[in-house]
Amino acid sequence: MQKVRIPISVDPVKSAGKQLSYLGVVPGASLNRLQELLVVPCADVEAELEFAVDAQNIKHLKGHAEVKVTVACERCGDPMAVELVSDFVYAPVTKRQTATDMPSEYEAIEVDELGEIQLHRIIEDELILAMPVVVKHDERECRIDSNAMQWGKIEDATSDKDNPFAVLQELKRK
């Protein structure tokens, strides 16, 4: 199968009926929300998409996307490479195929007014979800020692400050 540019949008029902599959790339420059999380512009995303109909006659999209990105370590701020990999399975919501009737292995996805889904947006969403919650180097590789970090001093909660509601308490007693 030849690598092609993944279409921006497709009709998932028709594509599943035809059992279309794509092996190709999504231009990294078109993934604006993902680009905002990175320190170096994103390369093109390798993607594999397969539309099919299962034994229960549920039309679905099975996909795999991966890309290497450069993000800032949250401990030291230095750039670091992270590989984002995502596998996903979606089934379009239609009049015949409702979200409540789908098995749990399918993630329901709404089609737009033209009956299409936005493939680039789906792939971008999946890659954002694949991003680690806290991006940081391994402690041995990071230039900042986690044991030497200072977090500040917390004041004692039982300080001798006046209670700001003491005046209201006096008014209540009168």
C-alpha atoms as a PDB file:
ATOM      1  CA  MET A   1       0.000   0.000   0.000  1.00  0.00           C
ATOM      2  CA  GLN A   2       1.369   3.397  -0.995  1.00  0.00           C
ATOM      3  CA  LYS A   3       1.626   6.216   1.559  1.00  0.00           C
ATOM      4  CA  VAL A   4      -0.777   9.021   0.757  1.00  0.00           C
ATOM      5  CA  ARG A   5      -1.925  12.217   2.398  1.00  0.00           C
ATOM      6  CA  ILE A   6      -4.823  11.355   4.715  1.00  0.00           C
ATOM      7  CA  PRO A   7      -8.027  13.140   3.617  1.00  0.00           C
ATOM      8  CA  ILE A   8      -9.280  15.931   5.880  1.00  0.00           C
ATOM      9  CA  SER A   9     -12.817  14.554   6.040  1.00  0.00           C
ATOM     10  CA  VAL A  10     -14.670  11.458   4.833  1.00  0.00           C
ATOM     11  CA  ASP A  11     -18.106   9.908   5.025  1.00  0.00           C
ATOM     12  CA  PRO A  12     -17.477   7.049   7.492  1.00  0.00           C
ATOM     13  CA  VAL A  13     -20.587   5.068   6.523  1.00  0.00           C
ATOM     14  CA  LYS A  14     -19.764   4.997   2.805  1.00  0.00           C
ATOM     15  CA  SER A  15     -16.066   4.411   3.520  1.00  0.00           C
ATOM     16  CA  ALA A  16     -16.892   1.430   5.768  1.00  0.00           C
ATOM     17  CA  GLY A  17     -19.209   0.037   3.107  1.00  0.00           C
ATOM     18  CA  LYS A  18     -16.364   0.221   0.594  1.00  0.00           C
ATOM     19  CA  GLN A  19     -13.862  -1.034   3.213  1.00  0.00           C
ATOM     20  CA  LEU A  20     -11.438   1.789   2.458  1.00  0.00           C
ATOM     21  CA  SER A  21      -8.084   2.000   4.172  1.00  0.00           C
ATOM     22  CA  TYR A  22      -5.413   4.673   4.214  1.00  0.00           C
ATOM     23  CA  LEU A  23      -1.741   4.444   5.050  1.00  0.00           C
ATOM     24  CA  GLY A  24      -0.231   7.875   4.971  1.00  0.00           C
ATOM     25  CA  VAL A  25       0.574  11.135   6.658  1.00  0.00           C
ATOM     26  CA  VAL A  26      -1.241  14.066   8.207  1.00  0.00           C
ATOM     27  CA  PRO A  27       0.700  17.327   7.772  1.00  0.00           C
ATOM     28  CA  GLY A  28       2.012  18.421  11.161  1.00  0.00           C
ATOM     29  CA  ALA A  29       1.518  22.073  10.241  1.00  0.00           C
ATOM     30  CA  SER A  30      -2.258  21.538  10.100  1.00  0.00           C
ATOM     31  CA  LEU A  31      -2.432  20.360  13.735  1.00  0.00           C
ATOM     32  CA  ASN A  32      -2.582  23.778  15.441  1.00  0.00           C
ATOM     33  CA  ARG A  33      -3.727  22.619  18.895  1.00  0.00           C
ATOM     34  CA  LEU A  34      -0.961  20.027  19.095  1.00  0.00           C
ATOM     35  CA  GLN A  35       1.617  22.578  17.886  1.00  0.00           C
ATOM     36  CA  GLU A  36       0.767  24.838  20.852  1.00  0.00           C
ATOM     37  CA  LEU A  37       2.048  22.143  23.246  1.00  0.00           C
ATOM     38  CA  LEU A  38       5.417  21.773  21.518  1.00  0.00           C
ATOM     39  CA  VAL A  39       8.690  23.716  21.496  1.00  0.00           C
ATOM     40  CA  VAL A  40       9.649  22.594  17.979  1.00  0.00           C
ATOM     41  CA  PRO A  41       7.109  22.369  15.128  1.00  0.00           C
ATOM     42  CA  CYS A  42       5.607  18.917  14.734  1.00  0.00           C
ATOM     43  CA  ALA A  43       6.706  16.617  11.925  1.00  0.00           C
ATOM     44  CA  ASP A  44       4.137  14.921   9.720  1.00  0.00           C
ATOM     45  CA  VAL A  45       2.100  12.318  11.577  1.00  0.00           C
ATOM     46  CA  GLU A  46       2.242   8.717  10.362  1.00  0.00           C
ATOM     47  CA  ALA A  47      -1.313   7.393  10.301  1.00  0.00           C
ATOM     48  CA  GLU A  48      -3.084   4.212   9.350  1.00  0.00           C
ATOM     49  CA  LEU A  49      -6.875   4.183   9.027  1.00  0.00           C
ATOM     50  CA  GLU A  50      -9.147   1.287   8.204  1.00  0.00           C
ATOM     51  CA  PHE A  51     -12.897   1.512   7.661  1.00  0.00           C
ATOM     52  CA  ALA A  52     -14.856  -1.708   8.049  1.00  0.00           C
ATOM     53  CA  VAL A  53     -18.131  -3.365   9.048  1.00  0.00           C
ATOM     54  CA  ASP A  54     -18.037  -5.885  11.902  1.00  0.00           C
ATOM     55  CA  ALA A  55     -20.108  -9.056  12.445  1.00  0.00           C
ATOM     56  CA  GLN A  56     -22.892  -7.017  14.123  1.00  0.00           C
ATOM     57  CA  ASN A  57     -23.079  -4.783  11.033  1.00  0.00           C
ATOM     58  CA  ILE A  58     -21.540  -1.839  12.920  1.00  0.00           C
ATOM     59  CA  LYS A  59     -19.597   0.451  10.634  1.00  0.00           C
ATOM     60  CA  HIS A  60     -16.398   1.633  12.286  1.00  0.00           C
ATOM     61  CA  LEU A  61     -13.019   3.278  11.846  1.00  0.00           C
ATOM     62  CA  LYS A  62      -9.912   1.680  13.326  1.00  0.00           C
ATOM     63  CA  GLY A  63      -6.818   3.838  13.412  1.00  0.00           C
ATOM     64  CA  HIS A  64      -3.231   4.124  14.521  1.00  0.00           C
ATOM     65  CA  ALA A  65      -1.215   7.357  14.628  1.00  0.00           C
ATOM     66  CA  GLU A  66       2.307   8.124  15.779  1.00  0.00           C
ATOM     67  CA  VAL A  67       4.742  11.010  15.719  1.00  0.00           C
ATOM     68  CA  LYS A  68       7.897  12.112  17.536  1.00  0.00           C
ATOM     69  CA  VAL A  69       7.562  15.561  19.090  1.00  0.00           C
ATOM     70  CA  THR A  70       9.777  17.889  21.109  1.00  0.00           C
ATOM     71  CA  VAL A  71       8.329  19.305  24.316  1.00  0.00           C
ATOM     72  CA  ALA A  72       9.738  21.201  27.295  1.00  0.00           C
ATOM     73  CA  CYS A  73      10.591  19.264  30.456  1.00  0.00           C
ATOM     74  CA  GLU A  74       8.431  20.659  33.255  1.00  0.00           C
ATOM     75  CA  ARG A  75      11.243  20.211  35.785  1.00  0.00           C
ATOM     76  CA  CYS A  76      14.176  21.865  33.994  1.00  0.00           C
ATOM     77  CA  GLY A  77      12.588  23.497  30.928  1.00  0.00           C
ATOM     78  CA  ASP A  78      14.975  21.825  28.476  1.00  0.00           C
ATOM     79  CA  PRO A  79      13.595  20.334  25.246  1.00  0.00           C
ATOM     80  CA  MET A  80      13.025  16.607  25.222  1.00  0.00           C
ATOM     81  CA  ALA A  81      11.766  14.116  22.650  1.00  0.00           C
ATOM     82  CA  VAL A  82       8.525  12.247  23.255  1.00  0.00           C
ATOM     83  CA  GLU A  83       6.972   9.660  20.974  1.00  0.00           C
ATOM     84  CA  LEU A  84       3.192   9.919  20.810  1.00  0.00           C
ATOM     85  CA  VAL A  85       1.403   6.728  19.793  1.00  0.00           C
ATOM     86  CA  SER A  86      -2.339   6.236  19.711  1.00  0.00           C
ATOM     87  CA  ASP A  87      -4.628   3.382  18.695  1.00  0.00           C
ATOM     88  CA  PHE A  88      -8.330   4.159  18.425  1.00  0.00           C
ATOM     89  CA  VAL A  89     -11.631   2.735  17.228  1.00  0.00           C
ATOM     90  CA  TYR A  90     -14.621   4.949  16.413  1.00  0.00           C
ATOM     91  CA  ALA A  91     -18.104   4.193  15.165  1.00  0.00           C
ATOM     92  CA  PRO A  92     -20.240   6.952  13.648  1.00  0.00           C
ATOM     93  CA  VAL A  93     -23.589   7.757  15.231  1.00  0.00           C
ATOM     94  CA  THR A  94     -26.365   7.457  12.642  1.00  0.00           C
ATOM     95  CA  LYS A  95     -30.133   6.904  12.648  1.00  0.00           C
ATOM     96  CA  ARG A  96     -29.584   3.130  12.523  1.00  0.00           C
ATOM     97  CA  GLN A  97     -26.459   3.094  14.697  1.00  0.00           C
ATOM     98  CA  THR A  98     -26.985   4.987  17.973  1.00  0.00           C
ATOM     99  CA  ALA A  99     -24.358   5.517  20.676  1.00  0.00           C
ATOM    100  CA  THR A 100     -26.325   3.494  23.253  1.00  0.00           C
ATOM    101  CA  ASP A 101     -26.509   0.453  20.963  1.00  0.00           C
ATOM    102  CA  MET A 102     -22.764   0.274  20.342  1.00  0.00           C
ATOM    103  CA  PRO A 103     -20.500  -2.194  22.110  1.00  0.00           C
ATOM    104  CA  SER A 104     -18.044  -0.677  24.590  1.00  0.00           C
ATOM    105  CA  GLU A 105     -15.015  -1.238  22.328  1.00  0.00           C
ATOM    106  CA  TYR A 106     -16.268   1.524  20.014  1.00  0.00           C
ATOM    107  CA  GLU A 107     -16.053   5.214  20.803  1.00  0.00           C
ATOM    108  CA  ALA A 108     -19.094   6.970  19.360  1.00  0.00           C
ATOM    109  CA  ILE A 109     -18.433   9.899  17.046  1.00  0.00           C
ATOM    110  CA  GLU A 110     -20.920  12.399  15.688  1.00  0.00           C
ATOM    111  CA  VAL A 111     -21.009  13.107  11.962  1.00  0.00           C
ATOM    112  CA  ASP A 112     -21.404  16.682  10.721  1.00  0.00           C
ATOM    113  CA  GLU A 113     -24.311  18.042   8.659  1.00  0.00           C
ATOM    114  CA  LEU A 114     -22.765  16.520   5.512  1.00  0.00           C
ATOM    115  CA  GLY A 115     -22.504  13.089   7.139  1.00  0.00           C
ATOM    116  CA  GLU A 116     -18.711  13.318   7.398  1.00  0.00           C
ATOM    117  CA  ILE A 117     -16.101  13.137  10.133  1.00  0.00           C
ATOM    118  CA  GLN A 118     -12.926  15.250  10.343  1.00  0.00           C
ATOM    119  CA  LEU A 119     -10.040  12.766  10.230  1.00  0.00           C
ATOM    120  CA  HIS A 120      -7.298  15.320  10.921  1.00  0.00           C
ATOM    121  CA  ARG A 121      -9.150  16.567  14.012  1.00  0.00           C
ATOM    122  CA  ILE A 122      -9.671  12.997  15.280  1.00  0.00           C
ATOM    123  CA  ILE A 123      -5.980  12.189  14.850  1.00  0.00           C
ATOM    124  CA  GLU A 124      -4.974  15.462  16.536  1.00  0.00           C
ATOM    125  CA  ASP A 125      -7.313  14.762  19.468  1.00  0.00           C
ATOM    126  CA  GLU A 126      -5.899  11.279  19.901  1.00  0.00           C
ATOM    127  CA  LEU A 127      -2.303  12.544  19.878  1.00  0.00           C
ATOM    128  CA  ILE A 128      -3.114  15.237  22.440  1.00  0.00           C
ATOM    129  CA  LEU A 129      -4.656  12.550  24.647  1.00  0.00           C
ATOM    130  CA  ALA A 130      -1.505  10.432  24.194  1.00  0.00           C
ATOM    131  CA  MET A 131       0.647  13.277  25.554  1.00  0.00           C
ATOM    132  CA  PRO A 132       1.975  12.506  29.057  1.00  0.00           C
ATOM    133  CA  VAL A 133       0.186  14.443  31.809  1.00  0.00           C
ATOM    134  CA  VAL A 134       3.482  15.662  33.266  1.00  0.00           C
ATOM    135  CA  VAL A 135       6.321  15.799  30.752  1.00  0.00           C
ATOM    136  CA  LYS A 136       9.706  15.475  32.413  1.00  0.00           C
ATOM    137  CA  HIS A 137      13.041  13.787  31.921  1.00  0.00           C
ATOM    138  CA  ASP A 138      13.994  10.709  33.859  1.00  0.00           C
ATOM    139  CA  GLU A 139      15.604  11.903  37.127  1.00  0.00           C
ATOM    140  CA  ARG A 140      19.035  10.604  36.052  1.00  0.00           C
ATOM    141  CA  GLU A 141      18.849  12.556  32.758  1.00  0.00           C
ATOM    142  CA  CYS A 142      17.416  15.823  34.101  1.00  0.00           C
ATOM    143  CA  ARG A 143      19.873  18.621  34.890  1.00  0.00           C
ATOM    144  CA  ILE A 144      17.870  19.580  38.010  1.00  0.00           C
ATOM    145  CA  ASP A 145      18.086  17.234  40.969  1.00  0.00           C
ATOM    146  CA  SER A 146      14.578  16.625  42.331  1.00  0.00           C
ATOM    147  CA  ASN A 147      15.975  16.288  45.888  1.00  0.00           C
ATOM    148  CA  ALA A 148      17.504  19.765  45.721  1.00  0.00           C
ATOM    149  CA  MET A 149      14.244  21.454  44.692  1.00  0.00           C
ATOM    150  CA  GLN A 150      12.714  23.912  47.130  1.00  0.00           C
ATOM    151  CA  TRP A 151       9.005  24.436  47.260  1.00  0.00           C
ATOM    152  CA  GLY A 152       8.771  27.345  49.686  1.00  0.00           C
ATOM    153  CA  LYS A 153       7.606  27.526  53.242  1.00  0.00           C
ATOM    154  CA  ILE A 154       3.977  27.255  54.264  1.00  0.00           C
ATOM    155  CA  GLU A 155       2.847  29.525  57.037  1.00  0.00           C
ATOM    156  CA  ASP A 156       1.337  27.990  60.128  1.00  0.00           C
ATOM    157  CA  ALA A 157      -2.468  27.987  59.865  1.00  0.00           C
ATOM    158  CA  THR A 158      -2.853  28.998  63.519  1.00  0.00           C
ATOM    159  CA  SER A 159      -1.531  32.525  63.150  1.00  0.00           C
ATOM    160  CA  ASP A 160      -2.492  35.397  65.440  1.00  0.00           C
ATOM    161  CA  LYS A 161      -4.305  37.335  62.729  1.00  0.00           C
ATOM    162  CA  ASP A 162      -7.629  38.937  63.531  1.00  0.00           C
ATOM    163  CA  ASN A 163     -10.629  37.108  62.257  1.00  0.00           C
ATOM    164  CA  PRO A 164     -12.175  39.230  59.464  1.00  0.00           C
ATOM    165  CA  PHE A 165     -15.618  38.013  60.484  1.00  0.00           C
ATOM    166  CA  ALA A 166     -15.281  39.059  64.123  1.00  0.00           C
ATOM    167  CA  VAL A 167     -17.121  42.314  63.379  1.00  0.00           C
ATOM    168  CA  LEU A 168     -20.032  40.389  61.898  1.00  0.00           C
ATOM    169  CA  GLN A 169     -20.076  38.123  64.936  1.00  0.00           C
ATOM    170  CA  GLU A 170     -20.402  41.204  67.196  1.00  0.00           C
ATOM    171  CA  LEU A 171     -23.276  42.548  65.057  1.00  0.00           C
ATOM    172  CA  LYS A 172     -25.046  39.204  65.280  1.00  0.00           C
ATOM    173  CA  ARG A 173     -24.915  39.283  69.088  1.00  0.00           C
ATOM    174  CA  LYS A 174     -26.583  42.708  69.293  1.00  0.00           C
END
